[in-house]
């Protein structure tokens, strides 16, 4: 399986290179005549990758800083022992670590190794792509201080906390994570989970070590971002959006269509509010909210990143639980709130 992912990542890099060449040629006015679907694929692929890569880098940088400057005992000391409070704190932790759905995965893996409990970790993973200042401001810019903004924040927090509490039944993160995630040692010969300083030396040397860890994690997780971006772009190039939009009528069907679009488009949470504006007036408020709430939690590239950290059964529940809760909440909004 690892060879397959390595091969796909190499293919993805090749596609990325070809896409960049075609973009430059078109920009210079000397485009090559190729099928329109290929241009659609390369445009979408570049858009998703270029949009997500900086946030993945931000997340891996935060992961490196956590590894070098925070010891396990310090993190465990500030974590609530109550499961509900832990899940709630995890849902609000995005204000401390403002990373999107790409960057939060490596950071959560690092925090699990530092002693974060399952309830808090899963809630942080699910909520932080929406409950952070950057995404809240982008949603405000798109919709203003209206019901869409507040319902997006409230639903994201409620679903994240509820999912975290379900995972709190499992008290040992080791049973949720892949063995490779627990034994992660980015720097050869570095010790893990010991008191500070974990990496002795001056501030400058420790910062260099943090950057080295961030670089290794970026390239490790980046190949799966490339693969996920390729799959999302391929699906969008093959399946006409008009076909999906034609099905978007009714309180339930419109929600299901918008959820499917959220998974297929794999748009970064920092800009998805502006994309969703194209559906306002055509789709119900509940269906637009399903797009804004589910997309940051579950999309193609997210699932591939999850699979590199969590066991397959864990990922299955991390997909099914938010999907079911989003359907229930947004269909209720369509049927009862009339907004």
Protein backbone atom coordinates (compact mmCIF):
# COMPACT_ATOMS: atom_id res chain seq x y z
CA UNK A 1 0.00 0.00 0.00
CA UNK A 2 2.82 2.38 0.83
CA UNK A 3 4.35 1.77 -2.61
CA UNK A 4 1.02 2.61 -4.21
CA UNK A 5 0.84 5.93 -2.34
CA UNK A 6 4.47 6.69 -3.20
CA UNK A 7 3.76 6.00 -6.88
CA UNK A 8 0.63 8.13 -6.82
CA UNK A 9 2.49 10.97 -5.13
CA UNK A 10 5.16 10.86 -7.86
CA UNK A 11 2.42 10.91 -10.50
CA UNK A 12 0.83 13.83 -8.65
CA UNK A 13 4.09 15.77 -8.69
CA UNK A 14 4.38 15.10 -12.42
CA UNK A 15 0.82 16.31 -12.98
CA UNK A 16 1.55 19.37 -10.87
CA UNK A 17 4.57 20.15 -13.03
CA UNK A 18 2.59 19.69 -16.25
CA UNK A 19 -0.23 21.86 -14.88
CA UNK A 20 2.19 24.65 -14.02
CA UNK A 21 3.76 24.49 -17.50
CA UNK A 22 0.34 24.63 -19.17
CA UNK A 23 -0.67 27.54 -16.95
CA UNK A 24 2.46 29.48 -17.88
CA UNK A 25 2.00 28.72 -21.58
CA UNK A 26 -1.62 29.88 -21.54
CA UNK A 27 -0.63 32.97 -19.60
CA UNK A 28 1.99 33.74 -22.26
CA UNK A 29 -0.51 33.13 -25.03
CA UNK A 30 0.95 29.89 -26.39
CA UNK A 31 -1.37 27.21 -25.04
CA UNK A 32 -1.32 23.63 -26.33
CA UNK A 33 -4.54 22.22 -27.78
CA UNK A 34 -5.72 19.53 -25.35
CA UNK A 35 -9.16 18.23 -24.32
CA UNK A 36 -11.13 20.74 -22.26
CA UNK A 37 -11.47 18.19 -19.43
CA UNK A 38 -7.70 18.17 -19.00
CA UNK A 39 -7.59 21.94 -18.64
CA UNK A 40 -10.46 21.73 -16.17
CA UNK A 41 -8.59 19.07 -14.21
CA UNK A 42 -5.32 21.01 -14.08
CA UNK A 43 -7.04 24.26 -13.13
CA UNK A 44 -8.98 22.65 -10.27
CA UNK A 45 -5.97 20.61 -9.16
CA UNK A 46 -3.75 23.69 -9.00
CA UNK A 47 -6.46 25.66 -7.22
CA UNK A 48 -6.95 23.07 -4.49
CA UNK A 49 -3.24 22.36 -4.01
CA UNK A 50 -2.04 25.98 -4.00
CA UNK A 51 -4.90 26.93 -1.69
CA UNK A 52 -4.23 24.15 0.83
CA UNK A 53 -0.41 23.84 0.81
CA UNK A 54 0.32 27.00 2.87
CA UNK A 55 -2.04 25.85 5.59
CA UNK A 56 -0.52 22.38 5.66
CA UNK A 57 2.84 24.10 6.09
CA UNK A 58 1.42 26.20 8.94
CA UNK A 59 0.12 23.06 10.64
CA UNK A 60 3.40 21.19 10.36
CA UNK A 61 5.25 24.25 11.66
CA UNK A 62 2.95 24.30 14.70
CA UNK A 63 3.57 20.57 15.12
CA UNK A 64 7.35 21.10 15.14
CA UNK A 65 7.09 23.88 17.72
CA UNK A 66 4.87 21.72 19.96
CA UNK A 67 7.36 18.84 19.75
CA UNK A 68 10.38 20.96 20.67
CA UNK A 69 9.01 23.51 23.14
CA UNK A 70 6.16 21.72 24.97
CA UNK A 71 6.64 18.77 27.25
CA UNK A 72 3.99 16.14 27.81
CA UNK A 73 3.49 16.96 31.49
CA UNK A 74 2.77 20.63 30.76
CA UNK A 75 0.12 19.85 28.17
CA UNK A 76 -1.54 17.22 30.34
CA UNK A 77 -1.62 19.65 33.28
CA UNK A 78 -3.70 22.25 31.42
CA UNK A 79 -6.11 19.74 29.84
CA UNK A 80 -9.51 19.36 31.55
CA UNK A 81 -10.02 15.96 33.12
CA UNK A 82 -13.77 16.06 32.61
CA UNK A 83 -14.59 14.52 29.23
CA UNK A 84 -17.25 17.06 28.28
CA UNK A 85 -15.05 19.99 29.25
CA UNK A 86 -12.17 18.36 27.38
CA UNK A 87 -14.25 18.01 24.21
CA UNK A 88 -15.50 21.60 24.57
CA UNK A 89 -11.94 22.86 25.09
CA UNK A 90 -10.81 20.90 22.03
CA UNK A 91 -13.57 22.48 19.97
CA UNK A 92 -12.42 25.97 21.00
CA UNK A 93 -8.71 25.25 20.65
CA UNK A 94 -8.77 26.52 17.09
CA UNK A 95 -8.57 30.06 18.45
CA UNK A 96 -5.14 29.14 19.85
CA UNK A 97 -3.99 27.16 16.78
CA UNK A 98 -5.71 28.83 13.79
CA UNK A 99 -5.05 26.10 11.20
CA UNK A 100 -7.36 24.76 8.50
CA UNK A 101 -8.35 21.16 7.82
CA UNK A 102 -5.02 20.35 6.15
CA UNK A 103 -2.76 21.74 8.85
CA UNK A 104 -4.75 20.44 11.81
CA UNK A 105 -4.05 16.76 11.07
CA UNK A 106 -0.28 16.73 11.75
CA UNK A 107 -0.77 19.06 14.72
CA UNK A 108 -3.41 16.78 16.25
CA UNK A 109 -1.15 13.77 15.78
CA UNK A 110 1.59 15.58 17.70
CA UNK A 111 -0.79 16.59 20.47
CA UNK A 112 -2.01 13.01 20.82
CA UNK A 113 1.60 11.96 21.39
CA UNK A 114 1.89 14.68 24.02
CA UNK A 115 -1.00 13.26 26.05
CA UNK A 116 -4.15 14.85 24.59
CA UNK A 117 -7.20 12.65 25.22
CA UNK A 118 -9.43 11.26 22.42
CA UNK A 119 -12.42 13.52 23.21
CA UNK A 120 -10.36 16.70 23.10
CA UNK A 121 -8.26 15.60 20.11
CA UNK A 122 -11.15 14.58 17.87
CA UNK A 123 -13.16 17.69 18.79
CA UNK A 124 -10.13 19.87 17.95
CA UNK A 125 -9.65 18.06 14.65
CA UNK A 126 -13.28 18.55 13.64
CA UNK A 127 -13.91 22.10 14.92
CA UNK A 128 -10.67 24.02 14.39
CA UNK A 129 -11.02 24.37 10.58
CA UNK A 130 -14.12 26.53 11.26
CA UNK A 131 -13.68 27.82 14.81
CA UNK A 132 -10.65 29.97 14.19
CA UNK A 133 -10.41 33.73 13.60
CA UNK A 134 -9.44 33.48 9.91
CA UNK A 135 -12.43 31.37 8.85
CA UNK A 136 -14.89 33.29 11.02
CA UNK A 137 -13.76 36.55 9.41
CA UNK A 138 -13.99 35.08 5.89
CA UNK A 139 -17.52 33.83 6.63
CA UNK A 140 -18.42 37.28 7.99
CA UNK A 141 -17.06 38.89 4.83
CA UNK A 142 -19.28 36.62 2.74
CA UNK A 143 -22.49 36.62 4.80
CA UNK A 144 -22.20 39.35 7.43
CA UNK A 145 -23.39 38.93 11.04
CA UNK A 146 -26.33 36.83 9.98
CA UNK A 147 -27.77 33.39 10.71
CA UNK A 148 -25.40 31.62 8.32
CA UNK A 149 -22.35 32.76 10.27
CA UNK A 150 -23.76 31.97 13.70
CA UNK A 151 -25.29 28.66 12.68
CA UNK A 152 -22.06 27.60 11.00
CA UNK A 153 -20.08 28.26 14.16
CA UNK A 154 -22.70 26.72 16.47
CA UNK A 155 -23.23 23.58 14.39
CA UNK A 156 -19.51 23.03 13.86
CA UNK A 157 -18.85 23.29 17.59
CA UNK A 158 -21.81 21.11 18.57
CA UNK A 159 -21.00 18.35 16.06
CA UNK A 160 -17.30 18.42 16.94
CA UNK A 161 -17.99 18.18 20.68
CA UNK A 162 -20.56 15.41 20.18
CA UNK A 163 -18.15 13.42 18.00
CA UNK A 164 -15.38 13.91 20.53
CA UNK A 165 -17.60 12.69 23.35
CA UNK A 166 -18.45 9.55 21.38
CA UNK A 167 -14.75 8.83 20.97
CA UNK A 168 -14.23 9.52 24.68
CA UNK A 169 -15.61 6.03 25.32
CA UNK A 170 -12.17 4.86 24.18
CA UNK A 171 -9.81 6.11 26.86
CA UNK A 172 -6.58 5.08 25.13
CA UNK A 173 -5.61 7.09 22.02
CA UNK A 174 -3.34 4.19 21.04
CA UNK A 175 -6.40 2.19 20.02
CA UNK A 176 -7.53 4.95 17.68
CA UNK A 177 -4.20 5.78 16.06
CA UNK A 178 -2.01 3.88 13.67
CA UNK A 179 1.10 2.43 15.33
CA UNK A 180 3.30 4.59 13.12
CA UNK A 181 1.62 7.72 14.53
CA UNK A 182 2.50 6.74 18.08
CA UNK A 183 6.08 5.85 17.28
CA UNK A 184 6.66 8.97 15.19
CA UNK A 185 10.22 10.23 15.62
CA UNK A 186 10.89 12.96 13.04
CA UNK A 187 14.52 13.49 14.06
CA UNK A 188 16.66 10.40 13.99
CA UNK A 189 17.88 9.57 17.48
CA UNK A 190 15.59 12.09 19.18
CA UNK A 191 13.93 11.02 22.40
CA UNK A 192 10.19 11.35 22.83
CA UNK A 193 8.00 12.44 25.74
CA UNK A 194 10.69 13.52 28.17
CA UNK A 195 10.86 16.66 30.25
CA UNK A 196 11.97 19.94 28.71
CA UNK A 197 14.29 20.66 27.20
CA UNK A 198 13.40 17.75 24.89
CA UNK A 199 16.03 19.05 22.50
CA UNK A 200 18.82 20.69 24.49
CA UNK A 201 20.68 23.69 23.16
CA UNK A 202 20.17 27.34 22.45
CA UNK A 203 16.93 28.89 21.27
CA UNK A 204 18.30 29.09 17.74
CA UNK A 205 19.25 25.42 17.60
CA UNK A 206 15.87 24.36 18.96
CA UNK A 207 14.10 26.52 16.37
CA UNK A 208 16.17 24.83 13.66
CA UNK A 209 15.12 21.45 15.01
CA UNK A 210 11.47 22.55 15.00
CA UNK A 211 11.80 23.67 11.39
CA UNK A 212 13.45 20.38 10.50
CA UNK A 213 10.55 18.46 12.04
CA UNK A 214 8.07 20.69 10.22
CA UNK A 215 9.85 20.10 6.91
CA UNK A 216 9.81 16.32 7.29
CA UNK A 217 6.13 16.28 8.26
CA UNK A 218 5.23 18.63 5.40
CA UNK A 219 6.73 16.29 2.81
CA UNK A 220 5.23 13.26 4.55
CA UNK A 221 1.69 14.67 4.62
CA UNK A 222 2.08 16.67 1.40
CA UNK A 223 2.06 13.64 -0.85
CA UNK A 224 -1.39 12.71 0.43
CA UNK A 225 -2.55 16.27 -0.13
CA UNK A 226 -1.39 15.91 -3.74
CA UNK A 227 -3.24 12.62 -4.16
CA UNK A 228 -6.40 14.00 -2.57
CA UNK A 229 -6.25 17.10 -4.77
CA UNK A 230 -5.87 14.90 -7.84
CA UNK A 231 -8.90 12.79 -6.93
CA UNK A 232 -11.06 15.82 -6.17
CA UNK A 233 -10.04 17.52 -9.42
CA UNK A 234 -10.65 14.34 -11.45
CA UNK A 235 -14.14 13.92 -10.03
CA UNK A 236 -15.02 17.53 -10.76
CA UNK A 237 -13.70 17.23 -14.31
CA UNK A 238 -15.67 14.04 -14.99
CA UNK A 239 -18.96 14.74 -13.13
CA UNK A 240 -20.66 17.92 -14.41
CA UNK A 241 -21.70 20.19 -11.57
CA UNK A 242 -24.87 20.99 -13.47
CA UNK A 243 -25.95 17.38 -13.08
CA UNK A 244 -25.60 17.63 -9.33
CA UNK A 245 -27.23 21.04 -9.08
CA UNK A 246 -30.26 19.84 -11.06
CA UNK A 247 -30.97 17.42 -8.21
CA UNK A 248 -30.86 20.09 -5.52
CA UNK A 249 -34.52 20.56 -4.68
CA UNK A 250 -36.38 19.75 -1.50
CA UNK A 251 -35.33 19.96 2.15
CA UNK A 252 -33.47 16.63 2.16
CA UNK A 253 -32.24 16.23 -1.42
CA UNK A 254 -30.71 19.71 -1.52
CA UNK A 255 -28.78 18.94 1.66
CA UNK A 256 -27.47 15.65 0.27
CA UNK A 257 -26.38 17.32 -2.99
CA UNK A 258 -24.53 20.12 -1.21
CA UNK A 259 -22.84 17.64 1.13
CA UNK A 260 -21.69 15.64 -1.88
CA UNK A 261 -20.35 18.82 -3.48
CA UNK A 262 -18.48 19.68 -0.27
CA UNK A 263 -16.75 16.29 -0.31
CA UNK A 264 -15.94 16.42 -4.04
CA UNK A 265 -14.77 20.04 -4.21
CA UNK A 266 -12.42 19.70 -1.19
CA UNK A 267 -12.20 23.47 -0.80
CA UNK A 268 -10.16 24.98 2.02
CA UNK A 269 -12.32 26.32 4.84
CA UNK A 270 -10.74 29.77 4.55
CA UNK A 271 -12.46 30.39 1.20
CA UNK A 272 -15.41 28.00 1.06
CA UNK A 273 -17.83 30.69 2.28
CA UNK A 274 -17.24 32.71 -0.90
CA UNK A 275 -17.74 29.60 -3.07
CA UNK A 276 -21.01 28.81 -1.31
CA UNK A 277 -22.38 32.25 -2.23
CA UNK A 278 -22.95 30.88 -5.75
CA UNK A 279 -25.66 28.58 -4.34
CA UNK A 280 -27.52 31.19 -2.26
CA UNK A 281 -30.98 31.79 -3.68
CA UNK A 282 -30.99 28.47 -5.53
CA UNK A 283 -30.45 26.18 -2.56
CA UNK A 284 -31.99 26.29 0.90
CA UNK A 285 -30.16 27.83 3.86
CA UNK A 286 -29.88 24.40 5.47
CA UNK A 287 -28.19 22.93 2.40
CA UNK A 288 -25.72 25.84 2.21
CA UNK A 289 -24.94 25.27 5.89
CA UNK A 290 -24.39 21.56 5.22
CA UNK A 291 -21.76 22.57 2.66
CA UNK A 292 -20.07 24.95 5.10
CA UNK A 293 -20.14 22.60 8.09
CA UNK A 294 -19.34 19.21 6.54
CA UNK A 295 -16.68 20.30 4.04
CA UNK A 296 -14.03 21.29 6.64
CA UNK A 297 -14.64 18.02 8.53
CA UNK A 298 -14.92 15.51 5.70
CA UNK A 299 -13.64 15.76 2.15
CA UNK A 300 -11.41 13.68 -0.11
CA UNK A 301 -8.07 15.12 0.93
CA UNK A 302 -9.08 15.08 4.61
CA UNK A 303 -9.92 11.40 4.50
CA UNK A 304 -6.54 10.55 2.98
CA UNK A 305 -4.79 12.61 5.65
CA UNK A 306 -6.87 10.97 8.39
CA UNK A 307 -5.84 7.54 7.13
CA UNK A 308 -2.19 8.40 7.75
CA UNK A 309 -2.88 9.11 11.44
CA UNK A 310 -5.88 7.00 12.51
CA UNK A 311 -6.85 3.38 12.09
CA UNK A 312 -9.30 2.66 9.28
CA UNK A 313 -12.19 1.89 11.63
CA UNK A 314 -11.58 5.19 13.42
CA UNK A 315 -11.66 7.10 10.13
CA UNK A 316 -14.91 5.35 9.18
CA UNK A 317 -16.58 6.66 12.34
CA UNK A 318 -14.98 10.09 11.86
CA UNK A 319 -16.76 10.26 8.49
CA UNK A 320 -20.11 8.65 9.33
CA UNK A 321 -20.82 10.50 12.59
CA UNK A 322 -20.45 14.07 11.22
CA UNK A 323 -22.37 13.16 8.06
CA UNK A 324 -25.36 11.87 10.04
CA UNK A 325 -25.36 14.82 12.44
CA UNK A 326 -25.08 17.38 9.63
CA UNK A 327 -28.02 15.77 7.82
CA UNK A 328 -30.20 15.83 10.94
CA UNK A 329 -29.33 19.41 11.85
CA UNK A 330 -29.63 21.00 8.40
CA UNK A 331 -32.82 19.16 7.40
CA UNK A 332 -34.33 20.35 10.70
CA UNK A 333 -33.30 23.90 9.78
CA UNK A 334 -34.95 23.56 6.36
CA UNK A 335 -38.19 22.21 7.80
CA UNK A 336 -38.58 24.39 10.88
CA UNK A 337 -36.60 27.64 10.87
CA UNK A 338 -37.64 29.06 7.52
CA UNK A 339 -34.49 31.12 6.97
